[in-house]
N, C-alpha and C. Protein backbone atom coordinates (compact mmCIF):
# COMPACT_ATOMS: atom_id res chain seq x y z
N MET A 1 1.15 -1.05 -0.23
CA MET A 1 -0.14 -0.60 0.18
C MET A 1 0.72 1.26 0.11
N LYS A 2 0.58 2.36 -0.56
CA LYS A 2 1.38 3.79 -0.97
C LYS A 2 0.34 4.54 0.67
N ILE A 3 1.24 4.88 1.24
CA ILE A 3 0.68 5.43 2.27
C ILE A 3 1.17 7.10 2.73
N GLY A 4 0.69 7.99 2.49
CA GLY A 4 0.84 9.32 2.29
C GLY A 4 0.91 9.83 3.55
N ILE A 5 1.57 10.47 4.55
CA ILE A 5 1.80 11.32 5.63
C ILE A 5 1.93 12.65 5.98
N MET A 6 1.06 13.40 6.38
CA MET A 6 1.03 14.91 6.49
C MET A 6 1.44 14.93 7.80
N GLY A 7 2.29 15.50 8.10
CA GLY A 7 2.69 16.04 9.66
C GLY A 7 2.19 17.56 9.97
N GLY A 8 2.05 18.01 10.64
CA GLY A 8 1.99 19.07 11.55
C GLY A 8 1.00 19.44 12.90
N THR A 9 0.80 20.77 13.16
CA THR A 9 0.47 20.84 14.34
C THR A 9 -1.12 20.51 13.92
N PHE A 10 -1.47 21.06 12.83
CA PHE A 10 -2.77 21.41 12.51
C PHE A 10 -3.63 22.22 13.90
N ASP A 11 -3.61 23.18 13.83
CA ASP A 11 -3.65 23.89 15.09
C ASP A 11 -4.69 25.22 14.48
N PRO A 12 -5.22 25.18 13.54
CA PRO A 12 -6.35 24.45 13.40
C PRO A 12 -6.09 23.69 12.15
N ILE A 13 -6.60 22.67 11.51
CA ILE A 13 -6.49 21.63 10.38
C ILE A 13 -7.58 22.92 9.41
N HIS A 14 -7.17 23.04 8.05
CA HIS A 14 -7.86 24.12 7.22
C HIS A 14 -8.27 23.19 5.93
N ASN A 15 -8.88 23.68 5.23
CA ASN A 15 -9.31 23.41 3.80
C ASN A 15 -7.66 23.40 2.87
N GLY A 16 -6.95 23.83 3.39
CA GLY A 16 -5.42 24.08 2.79
C GLY A 16 -5.22 22.83 2.53
N HIS A 17 -4.96 22.00 4.02
CA HIS A 17 -4.72 20.78 3.98
C HIS A 17 -5.04 19.70 3.47
N LEU A 18 -6.52 19.92 3.27
CA LEU A 18 -7.37 19.06 2.71
C LEU A 18 -6.91 18.56 1.71
N MET A 19 -7.03 20.08 0.37
CA MET A 19 -6.75 19.80 -0.58
C MET A 19 -5.30 19.63 -1.07
N LEU A 20 -4.55 19.69 -0.40
CA LEU A 20 -3.00 19.04 -0.38
C LEU A 20 -3.32 17.92 -0.22
N GLY A 21 -4.21 17.38 0.63
CA GLY A 21 -3.64 15.44 1.07
C GLY A 21 -4.57 15.35 -0.60
N ASP A 22 -5.54 15.55 -1.36
CA ASP A 22 -6.34 15.25 -2.16
C ASP A 22 -5.60 15.61 -3.24
N THR A 23 -5.04 16.48 -3.56
CA THR A 23 -3.70 16.85 -4.60
C THR A 23 -2.70 15.66 -4.71
N ALA A 24 -1.97 15.07 -3.40
CA ALA A 24 -1.12 13.85 -3.31
C ALA A 24 -1.52 12.98 -3.85
N ARG A 25 -2.77 12.51 -3.33
CA ARG A 25 -3.43 11.13 -3.48
C ARG A 25 -3.24 10.85 -5.15
N ASP A 26 -3.92 12.30 -6.03
CA ASP A 26 -4.10 11.73 -7.01
C ASP A 26 -3.14 11.86 -8.12
N GLN A 27 -2.18 12.72 -7.47
CA GLN A 27 -1.10 12.86 -8.43
C GLN A 27 -0.03 11.93 -8.16
N PHE A 28 0.12 10.75 -6.96
CA PHE A 28 0.61 9.88 -6.71
C PHE A 28 0.38 8.42 -7.27
N GLY A 29 -1.21 8.51 -6.88
CA GLY A 29 -2.21 7.12 -6.63
C GLY A 29 -1.71 6.55 -5.74
N LEU A 30 -1.69 7.44 -4.60
CA LEU A 30 -1.98 6.82 -3.00
C LEU A 30 -3.03 6.67 -2.51
N ASP A 31 -2.97 5.15 -2.02
CA ASP A 31 -4.35 4.48 -1.01
C ASP A 31 -4.90 5.33 -0.17
N VAL A 32 -4.22 6.12 0.54
CA VAL A 32 -4.54 6.51 1.79
C VAL A 32 -3.63 7.32 2.48
N ILE A 33 -4.28 8.65 2.84
CA ILE A 33 -3.09 9.68 3.61
C ILE A 33 -3.29 9.83 5.47
N TRP A 34 -2.23 9.57 6.11
CA TRP A 34 -2.32 9.93 7.47
C TRP A 34 -2.43 11.23 7.58
N PHE A 35 -2.68 11.28 8.80
CA PHE A 35 -2.67 13.02 9.34
C PHE A 35 -2.62 12.72 10.65
N MET A 36 -1.03 13.40 10.48
CA MET A 36 -0.98 13.14 11.77
C MET A 36 -0.03 14.20 12.82
N PRO A 37 -1.11 14.75 13.46
CA PRO A 37 -0.95 15.76 14.23
C PRO A 37 0.42 15.43 15.21
N ASN A 38 1.53 16.70 15.60
CA ASN A 38 2.47 16.47 16.44
C ASN A 38 1.73 16.79 17.78
N GLY A 39 2.99 16.00 18.76
CA GLY A 39 2.49 15.93 20.20
C GLY A 39 3.42 16.92 20.77
N ARG A 40 4.52 16.70 20.58
CA ARG A 40 5.76 17.76 20.85
C ARG A 40 6.76 17.75 19.42
N PRO A 41 6.39 18.76 18.36
CA PRO A 41 7.23 18.74 17.93
C PRO A 41 8.44 19.75 18.51
N PRO A 42 9.83 19.43 17.86
CA PRO A 42 10.89 20.14 18.05
C PRO A 42 10.82 21.64 17.39
N HIS A 43 10.57 21.86 16.69
CA HIS A 43 10.54 23.17 16.48
C HIS A 43 9.77 24.02 17.07
N LYS A 44 8.48 23.78 17.90
CA LYS A 44 7.89 24.81 18.64
C LYS A 44 8.11 24.37 20.17
N ALA A 45 7.40 25.48 20.63
CA ALA A 45 7.14 25.69 22.30
C ALA A 45 5.70 24.99 22.28
N LEU A 46 5.61 24.41 23.72
CA LEU A 46 4.50 23.49 23.45
C LEU A 46 3.17 25.21 23.86
N ASP A 47 4.06 25.69 24.65
CA ASP A 47 2.82 27.21 25.02
C ASP A 47 2.74 28.26 23.54
N SER A 48 3.26 27.44 22.45
CA SER A 48 3.01 28.26 21.44
C SER A 48 1.98 28.11 20.71
N ILE A 49 1.29 26.47 20.96
CA ILE A 49 0.47 25.93 20.18
C ILE A 49 -1.23 25.88 20.89
N GLY A 50 -1.97 27.01 20.11
CA GLY A 50 -3.41 27.28 20.53
C GLY A 50 -4.21 26.19 21.24
N SER A 51 -4.35 24.98 20.84
CA SER A 51 -4.97 23.95 21.33
C SER A 51 -4.24 22.84 21.84
N ASP A 52 -5.19 22.19 22.63
CA ASP A 52 -4.25 20.71 23.34
C ASP A 52 -4.15 20.10 22.22
N THR A 53 -3.59 18.57 22.72
CA THR A 53 -3.47 17.63 21.73
C THR A 53 -4.69 16.83 21.24
N ASP A 54 -5.80 16.54 22.26
CA ASP A 54 -7.67 16.39 21.89
C ASP A 54 -8.00 16.77 21.70
N MET A 55 -8.05 18.56 21.26
CA MET A 55 -8.60 19.05 20.64
C MET A 55 -8.74 19.31 19.22
N ARG A 56 -6.80 19.45 18.57
CA ARG A 56 -6.29 18.78 18.05
C ARG A 56 -6.65 17.90 17.11
N ALA A 57 -6.75 16.84 18.00
CA ALA A 57 -6.93 15.57 17.08
C ALA A 57 -8.34 15.27 16.38
N LYS A 58 -9.27 15.83 17.60
CA LYS A 58 -11.18 16.06 17.42
C LYS A 58 -10.83 17.04 15.97
N MET A 59 -10.35 18.18 15.67
CA MET A 59 -10.56 18.74 14.84
C MET A 59 -10.17 17.78 13.36
N VAL A 60 -8.88 17.61 13.37
CA VAL A 60 -8.44 16.60 12.59
C VAL A 60 -9.94 15.58 11.74
N GLU A 61 -10.19 14.96 13.10
CA GLU A 61 -11.54 13.90 12.86
C GLU A 61 -12.52 14.27 12.07
N LEU A 62 -13.25 15.55 12.49
CA LEU A 62 -13.98 15.76 11.93
C LEU A 62 -13.99 16.43 10.21
N ALA A 63 -12.64 17.00 10.32
CA ALA A 63 -12.47 17.44 8.93
C ALA A 63 -12.38 16.58 8.04
N ILE A 64 -11.77 15.07 8.42
CA ILE A 64 -11.82 14.41 7.55
C ILE A 64 -12.72 13.26 7.38
N LYS A 65 -13.70 12.78 8.20
CA LYS A 65 -14.45 12.10 8.53
C LYS A 65 -15.04 11.37 7.12
N ASP A 66 -15.52 13.00 6.18
CA ASP A 66 -16.12 12.33 4.97
C ASP A 66 -14.92 11.99 4.12
N HIS A 67 -14.03 11.68 4.50
CA HIS A 67 -12.69 11.50 3.61
C HIS A 67 -12.45 9.89 3.22
N LYS A 68 -13.11 9.23 2.60
CA LYS A 68 -12.62 7.56 2.85
C LYS A 68 -11.09 7.34 2.70
N SER A 69 -10.43 8.40 2.20
CA SER A 69 -8.86 7.83 2.27
C SER A 69 -8.07 8.37 2.95
N PHE A 70 -8.78 9.04 3.63
CA PHE A 70 -7.66 9.71 4.89
C PHE A 70 -8.14 9.60 5.90
N GLU A 71 -6.89 9.18 7.17
CA GLU A 71 -6.86 8.35 8.34
C GLU A 71 -6.37 9.39 9.16
N LEU A 72 -7.09 9.56 10.63
CA LEU A 72 -6.19 10.34 11.55
C LEU A 72 -5.08 8.92 12.30
N GLN A 73 -3.83 10.05 12.17
CA GLN A 73 -2.94 9.10 12.90
C GLN A 73 -2.29 9.60 13.93
N ASP A 74 -2.61 8.89 15.14
CA ASP A 74 -2.06 9.53 16.13
C ASP A 74 -0.91 9.27 17.05
N TYR A 75 0.15 8.18 16.22
CA TYR A 75 1.15 7.89 16.92
C TYR A 75 2.16 8.95 17.71
N GLU A 76 2.39 10.01 16.68
CA GLU A 76 2.95 11.39 17.27
C GLU A 76 2.42 11.78 18.53
N LEU A 77 0.79 11.97 19.02
CA LEU A 77 -0.01 12.19 19.76
C LEU A 77 0.30 11.80 21.18
N LYS A 78 0.80 10.54 20.80
CA LYS A 78 0.66 9.86 22.00
C LYS A 78 1.63 9.80 23.01
N ARG A 79 3.17 9.67 21.91
CA ARG A 79 4.28 10.04 22.49
C ARG A 79 4.76 11.26 23.32
N LYS A 80 5.15 10.70 24.69
CA LYS A 80 5.43 11.91 25.54
C LYS A 80 6.84 12.83 25.39
N GLU A 81 7.56 11.84 24.47
CA GLU A 81 9.22 12.47 23.84
C GLU A 81 8.81 13.54 22.71
N VAL A 82 9.89 14.14 22.63
CA VAL A 82 9.76 14.95 21.38
C VAL A 82 9.61 14.32 20.14
N SER A 83 9.02 14.70 18.94
CA SER A 83 8.73 13.23 17.90
C SER A 83 9.80 14.04 16.51
N TYR A 84 11.10 13.52 16.56
CA TYR A 84 11.61 13.60 15.35
C TYR A 84 11.37 13.02 13.80
N SER A 85 11.51 13.73 12.69
CA SER A 85 10.44 13.14 11.53
C SER A 85 11.20 11.81 11.39
N TYR A 86 12.71 11.46 11.67
CA TYR A 86 13.19 10.35 10.87
C TYR A 86 13.18 9.06 12.20
N GLU A 87 12.55 9.03 13.37
CA GLU A 87 12.38 8.65 14.71
C GLU A 87 10.75 7.53 13.77
N THR A 88 10.03 8.76 13.94
CA THR A 88 8.59 8.41 13.50
C THR A 88 8.67 7.52 12.20
N LEU A 89 9.22 8.05 11.19
CA LEU A 89 9.78 7.29 9.58
C LEU A 89 10.13 6.11 9.82
N GLU A 90 10.84 5.78 10.87
CA GLU A 90 11.87 4.53 10.67
C GLU A 90 10.83 3.61 11.29
N TYR A 91 9.74 3.91 12.56
CA TYR A 91 8.71 3.34 13.17
C TYR A 91 8.09 2.51 12.13
N PHE A 92 7.70 3.63 11.45
CA PHE A 92 6.70 3.01 10.27
C PHE A 92 7.42 2.26 9.57
N HIS A 93 8.39 2.06 8.92
CA HIS A 93 9.26 1.60 8.12
C HIS A 93 9.48 0.09 8.54
N ALA A 94 9.39 0.09 9.88
CA ALA A 94 9.89 -1.21 10.78
C ALA A 94 8.46 -1.71 10.70
N VAL A 95 7.54 -1.29 11.21
CA VAL A 95 6.18 -2.23 11.46
C VAL A 95 5.60 -2.30 10.36
N TYR A 96 5.50 -1.63 9.30
CA TYR A 96 4.86 -2.01 7.89
C TYR A 96 5.75 -1.96 6.67
N PRO A 97 6.50 -3.14 6.70
CA PRO A 97 7.85 -3.37 5.96
C PRO A 97 7.33 -3.52 4.32
N GLU A 98 6.25 -4.16 4.27
CA GLU A 98 5.78 -4.28 2.87
C GLU A 98 4.64 -2.34 2.45
N ASP A 99 4.97 -1.80 2.99
CA ASP A 99 4.04 -0.63 2.47
C ASP A 99 5.06 0.31 1.86
N GLU A 100 5.02 1.32 1.10
CA GLU A 100 5.93 2.62 0.86
C GLU A 100 5.10 3.73 1.49
N PHE A 101 6.37 4.53 1.89
CA PHE A 101 5.56 5.79 2.52
C PHE A 101 5.81 7.22 1.98
N TYR A 102 4.86 8.08 1.86
CA TYR A 102 5.20 9.13 0.78
C TYR A 102 5.20 10.18 2.23
N PHE A 103 6.15 11.29 2.43
CA PHE A 103 6.18 11.92 3.60
C PHE A 103 5.28 13.44 2.81
N ILE A 104 4.40 13.96 2.88
CA ILE A 104 4.44 15.23 2.70
C ILE A 104 4.56 16.86 3.29
N ILE A 105 5.86 17.42 2.52
CA ILE A 105 6.29 18.94 3.18
C ILE A 105 6.55 19.88 2.20
N GLY A 106 6.18 20.89 2.71
CA GLY A 106 6.17 22.62 2.27
C GLY A 106 8.22 22.46 1.72
N ALA A 107 7.82 23.59 0.45
CA ALA A 107 8.89 23.79 -0.11
C ALA A 107 9.94 24.91 1.41
N ASP A 108 9.34 25.38 1.70
CA ASP A 108 10.15 25.79 2.99
C ASP A 108 11.09 24.56 4.09
N SER A 109 10.27 23.76 4.17
CA SER A 109 10.93 22.83 5.00
C SER A 109 11.77 22.10 4.64
N LEU A 110 11.80 21.57 2.67
CA LEU A 110 12.44 21.38 1.62
C LEU A 110 13.86 21.68 2.04
N ARG A 111 13.73 23.32 1.34
CA ARG A 111 14.78 23.98 1.91
C ARG A 111 15.72 23.39 3.08
N ASP A 112 15.11 23.78 4.51
CA ASP A 112 16.10 23.40 5.37
C ASP A 112 15.93 21.74 6.16
N ILE A 113 15.79 20.86 5.13
CA ILE A 113 15.89 19.46 5.85
C ILE A 113 17.09 19.55 6.21
N GLU A 114 18.22 19.48 5.49
CA GLU A 114 19.53 19.08 5.94
C GLU A 114 19.75 19.58 7.56
N LYS A 115 19.11 20.51 7.66
CA LYS A 115 19.15 21.10 9.13
C LYS A 115 18.27 20.10 10.38
N TRP A 116 17.45 19.36 9.65
CA TRP A 116 16.70 18.74 10.39
C TRP A 116 17.61 17.67 10.96
N VAL A 117 17.26 16.97 12.07
CA VAL A 117 17.83 15.54 12.91
C VAL A 117 17.68 14.27 11.88
N HIS A 118 19.21 14.28 11.75
CA HIS A 118 19.16 12.99 10.73
C HIS A 118 18.44 12.80 9.36
N PRO A 119 18.59 13.66 8.47
CA PRO A 119 17.94 13.83 7.15
C PRO A 119 18.06 12.67 6.44
N GLU A 120 20.02 12.06 6.55
CA GLU A 120 19.92 11.11 5.50
C GLU A 120 19.14 9.63 6.25
N ARG A 121 18.85 9.81 7.50
CA ARG A 121 17.49 8.38 8.18
C ARG A 121 16.22 8.73 7.41
N LEU A 122 15.77 9.51 7.20
CA LEU A 122 14.33 9.81 7.26
C LEU A 122 14.44 9.69 5.86
N LEU A 123 14.97 10.06 4.73
CA LEU A 123 15.02 9.91 3.32
C LEU A 123 15.51 8.69 3.03
N ALA A 124 16.16 7.87 4.18
CA ALA A 124 16.44 6.41 3.16
C ALA A 124 15.25 5.51 3.94
N VAL A 125 13.62 5.89 4.39
CA VAL A 125 12.69 5.12 4.34
C VAL A 125 11.53 5.35 4.03
N CYS A 126 11.57 6.77 3.25
CA CYS A 126 10.16 7.05 2.41
C CYS A 126 10.82 8.25 1.57
N HIS A 127 9.74 8.22 0.67
CA HIS A 127 9.69 8.83 -0.45
C HIS A 127 9.12 10.69 -0.28
N VAL A 128 9.57 11.58 -0.63
CA VAL A 128 9.11 12.47 -0.28
C VAL A 128 8.95 13.18 -1.28
N LEU A 129 7.35 13.93 -0.93
CA LEU A 129 6.58 14.88 -1.81
C LEU A 129 6.86 16.32 -1.53
N ALA A 130 7.56 17.08 -1.97
CA ALA A 130 7.48 18.62 -1.94
C ALA A 130 6.66 19.47 -2.72
N ALA A 131 5.95 20.06 -1.54
CA ALA A 131 4.99 20.92 -2.34
C ALA A 131 5.34 22.30 -2.62
N TYR A 132 4.77 22.28 -3.61
CA TYR A 132 5.14 24.01 -4.26
C TYR A 132 4.28 24.59 -4.41
N ARG A 133 4.30 26.04 -3.71
CA ARG A 133 3.35 26.85 -4.23
C ARG A 133 3.68 28.44 -4.24
N ASP A 134 4.54 28.47 -4.99
CA ASP A 134 5.20 30.12 -5.21
C ASP A 134 5.95 30.56 -4.24
N GLU A 135 6.23 30.19 -2.64
CA GLU A 135 6.58 30.27 -2.00
C GLU A 135 8.16 30.63 -1.56
N TRP A 136 8.79 30.13 -2.44
CA TRP A 136 10.07 30.10 -2.59
C TRP A 136 10.69 29.91 -3.81
N ASN A 137 11.37 30.83 -4.11
CA ASN A 137 11.92 31.64 -5.30
C ASN A 137 11.31 30.86 -7.12
N THR A 138 11.57 30.09 -7.65
CA THR A 138 11.52 29.66 -8.57
C THR A 138 11.19 28.20 -8.53
N ARG A 139 10.20 27.80 -9.98
CA ARG A 139 10.16 26.10 -9.51
C ARG A 139 11.60 25.30 -9.90
N GLN A 140 12.36 26.45 -10.82
CA GLN A 140 13.38 25.77 -11.23
C GLN A 140 14.72 25.44 -10.22
N THR A 141 14.29 26.84 -9.07
CA THR A 141 15.27 26.34 -7.97
C THR A 141 14.95 25.69 -7.37
N MET A 142 13.51 25.05 -6.96
CA MET A 142 13.32 23.95 -6.26
C MET A 142 13.73 22.73 -6.73
N LEU A 143 13.05 22.54 -8.13
CA LEU A 143 13.79 21.40 -8.72
C LEU A 143 15.52 20.95 -8.74
N GLU A 144 16.11 22.42 -9.20
CA GLU A 144 17.54 21.83 -8.87
C GLU A 144 17.94 21.81 -7.21
N HIS A 145 17.20 22.20 -6.52
CA HIS A 145 17.56 21.50 -4.71
C HIS A 145 17.09 20.08 -4.46
N ILE A 146 15.93 19.77 -5.15
CA ILE A 146 15.47 18.32 -5.17
C ILE A 146 16.46 17.63 -5.99
N SER A 147 17.32 17.65 -6.95
CA SER A 147 18.32 17.00 -8.01
C SER A 147 19.36 17.26 -6.68
N TYR A 148 19.29 17.86 -6.16
CA TYR A 148 21.21 18.05 -5.08
C TYR A 148 20.51 16.85 -4.31
N LEU A 149 19.46 17.27 -3.52
CA LEU A 149 19.38 16.26 -2.30
C LEU A 149 19.20 14.65 -3.15
N ASN A 150 18.50 14.38 -4.19
CA ASN A 150 18.51 13.03 -4.56
C ASN A 150 19.63 12.29 -4.70
N ASP A 151 21.06 13.27 -4.93
CA ASP A 151 22.18 12.89 -5.53
C ASP A 151 22.66 12.99 -4.03
N LYS A 152 22.77 13.45 -3.40
CA LYS A 152 23.55 13.74 -2.25
C LYS A 152 23.21 12.27 -1.20
N TYR A 153 21.84 11.86 -0.95
CA TYR A 153 21.57 11.29 0.03
C TYR A 153 20.93 9.83 -1.06
N HIS A 154 20.76 9.47 -2.10
CA HIS A 154 20.25 8.63 -2.99
C HIS A 154 18.60 8.52 -2.24
N ALA A 155 18.14 10.01 -2.38
CA ALA A 155 16.74 9.73 -1.72
C ALA A 155 15.94 10.08 -2.89
N ARG A 156 14.44 10.48 -2.62
CA ARG A 156 13.42 9.52 -3.78
C ARG A 156 13.11 11.07 -3.53
N ILE A 157 13.26 11.90 -3.51
CA ILE A 157 12.28 13.41 -3.39
C ILE A 157 11.52 13.52 -5.10
N LYS A 158 10.12 14.15 -4.68
CA LYS A 158 9.63 14.44 -6.04
C LYS A 158 8.89 15.85 -5.62
N LEU A 159 8.35 16.92 -6.71
CA LEU A 159 7.74 18.11 -6.82
C LEU A 159 6.85 17.80 -6.47
N LEU A 160 5.27 18.14 -5.38
CA LEU A 160 4.25 17.82 -5.75
C LEU A 160 3.75 19.50 -6.24
N GLN A 161 2.90 19.20 -7.28
CA GLN A 161 2.30 20.43 -7.83
C GLN A 161 0.74 20.96 -7.12
N SER A 162 1.07 21.86 -5.65
CA SER A 162 -0.36 21.75 -5.44
C SER A 162 -0.64 23.37 -5.42
N PRO A 163 -2.04 23.33 -5.22
CA PRO A 163 -2.84 24.50 -5.65
C PRO A 163 -2.25 25.66 -4.49
N LEU A 164 -2.41 26.91 -4.93
CA LEU A 164 -1.90 27.90 -4.08
C LEU A 164 -2.80 28.51 -2.95
N ILE A 165 -2.87 27.87 -2.14
CA ILE A 165 -3.82 28.57 -0.99
C ILE A 165 -3.43 29.55 -0.14
N ALA A 166 -4.21 30.37 -0.17
CA ALA A 166 -3.99 32.08 0.86
C ALA A 166 -4.46 31.66 2.09
N ILE A 167 -3.51 31.16 2.98
CA ILE A 167 -4.50 31.08 4.04
C ILE A 167 -3.61 29.83 5.09
N SER A 168 -3.23 30.25 6.15
CA SER A 168 -1.95 29.31 7.01
C SER A 168 -2.93 29.54 8.26
N SER A 169 -2.29 28.47 9.31
CA SER A 169 -3.46 28.12 10.90
C SER A 169 -3.23 29.30 11.70
N HIS A 170 -2.05 29.71 11.23
CA HIS A 170 -1.39 31.31 12.11
C HIS A 170 -2.60 32.36 11.33
N GLU A 171 -2.62 32.33 10.56
CA GLU A 171 -3.34 33.75 10.15
C GLU A 171 -5.05 32.92 10.35
N LEU A 172 -5.59 31.82 10.65
CA LEU A 172 -6.98 31.35 10.86
C LEU A 172 -6.91 31.91 12.50
N ARG A 173 -5.81 31.54 13.73
CA ARG A 173 -5.87 31.90 14.66
C ARG A 173 -6.27 33.36 15.15
N ALA A 174 -5.70 34.36 14.38
CA ALA A 174 -5.31 35.35 14.20
C ALA A 174 -7.08 36.20 13.85
N LYS A 175 -7.22 35.51 12.95
CA LYS A 175 -8.90 35.84 12.68
C LYS A 175 -9.55 35.94 13.49
N ILE A 176 -9.64 34.54 14.17
CA ILE A 176 -10.67 34.46 14.94
C ILE A 176 -10.21 35.17 16.29
N ARG A 177 -9.28 35.56 16.86
CA ARG A 177 -8.88 36.15 17.65
C ARG A 177 -9.23 37.91 17.66
N ALA A 178 -9.90 38.31 16.25
CA ALA A 178 -10.34 39.60 16.21
C ALA A 178 -11.82 39.47 15.73
N GLY A 179 -12.02 38.26 15.88
CA GLY A 179 -13.41 38.29 15.74
C GLY A 179 -13.88 38.12 14.22
N GLU A 180 -12.75 37.64 13.59
CA GLU A 180 -13.12 37.51 11.69
C GLU A 180 -13.95 36.59 11.67
N PRO A 181 -14.72 36.37 10.66
CA PRO A 181 -15.28 34.99 10.20
C PRO A 181 -14.09 33.66 9.11
N ILE A 182 -14.50 32.55 9.79
CA ILE A 182 -13.51 31.75 8.87
C ILE A 182 -14.14 30.73 8.14
N THR A 183 -15.35 31.56 7.73
CA THR A 183 -16.40 30.64 6.73
C THR A 183 -15.94 30.71 5.67
N GLY A 184 -15.53 28.79 5.21
CA GLY A 184 -15.28 29.15 4.14
C GLY A 184 -13.75 28.45 4.06
N LEU A 185 -13.01 28.45 5.32
CA LEU A 185 -11.72 28.37 5.25
C LEU A 185 -11.31 27.15 6.11
N VAL A 186 -11.89 27.01 6.38
CA VAL A 186 -12.42 25.19 6.73
C VAL A 186 -13.33 24.69 7.03
N PRO A 187 -13.43 23.53 7.10
CA PRO A 187 -14.72 22.62 6.99
C PRO A 187 -16.03 23.16 8.24
N ALA A 188 -16.96 23.11 7.70
CA ALA A 188 -17.75 23.80 8.67
C ALA A 188 -18.07 23.21 10.20
N GLU A 189 -17.91 21.94 10.19
CA GLU A 189 -18.05 21.40 11.63
C GLU A 189 -16.87 21.55 12.26
N VAL A 190 -15.79 21.73 11.91
CA VAL A 190 -14.03 22.38 12.37
C VAL A 190 -14.78 23.65 12.86
N GLU A 191 -15.09 24.58 12.11
CA GLU A 191 -15.86 25.82 12.41
C GLU A 191 -16.39 26.00 13.62
N ALA A 192 -17.53 25.05 13.53
CA ALA A 192 -18.75 24.53 14.44
C ALA A 192 -17.78 24.73 15.92
N PHE A 193 -16.81 23.31 15.61
CA PHE A 193 -16.53 22.84 16.96
C PHE A 193 -15.20 24.30 17.51
N ILE A 194 -14.50 24.35 17.03
CA ILE A 194 -14.03 26.21 16.87
C ILE A 194 -14.52 26.70 17.88
N ALA A 195 -16.22 27.40 17.83
CA ALA A 195 -16.71 28.16 18.13
C ALA A 195 -17.17 27.73 19.36
N LYS A 196 -17.94 26.40 19.58
CA LYS A 196 -18.54 26.15 20.70
C LYS A 196 -17.03 25.63 22.10
N GLU A 197 -15.70 25.52 21.59
CA GLU A 197 -14.81 24.99 22.57
C GLU A 197 -14.27 26.67 22.97
N GLY A 198 -14.71 27.65 22.06
CA GLY A 198 -13.98 28.99 22.43
C GLY A 198 -12.63 29.18 21.98
N LEU A 199 -12.20 28.19 21.09
CA LEU A 199 -10.70 28.04 21.07
C LEU A 199 -10.12 29.36 20.24
N TYR A 200 -8.82 29.75 20.59
CA TYR A 200 -8.04 30.89 20.00
C TYR A 200 -8.79 32.23 20.06
N GLU A 201 -9.56 32.30 21.20
CA GLU A 201 -10.16 33.89 21.62
C GLU A 201 -9.41 34.41 22.33
N SER A 202 -8.71 34.55 22.91
CA SER A 202 -7.76 34.87 23.55
C SER A 202 -6.05 34.42 23.27
């Protein structure tokens, strides 16, 4: 089975995440997309995350419930330790040796991937799909970087041509704090859940 993995805080999950999952599935013939919220990401302080793990998991569940090929993957949420991508992907590779994993990341993450902990171990156990949204110079620059990484690490990185989504979780939280509507930017049930729980209001 070909399994796509989308990691992130999903604080909150929004329509751009879902569209990226759809795009990756369709472009690369993936069987399932795992949405994997971070528990303790290495690059963020816990007090910078606006909602707790249970709330973020619930929002993902609500967002993907009508997508048959989308699943919540709670492996990193259950870990008490900081989760490093190479450890997570090595774990999945060992537990599911017959499956292929496609780690979906953004262009900015690909640019910095050599600064990650053990990128060589991460790239050894999965394909990487790098989503390009015009935020990093030019398409040609990104293709050249992919070629460099593939050669250096014997990696399997491919360009994921994703639609331009002019929204981020950070911007959504700012809108909610300012009392602005987020209708159409997140699934309706996620919007209702955020309002019910009073998330991100202060």
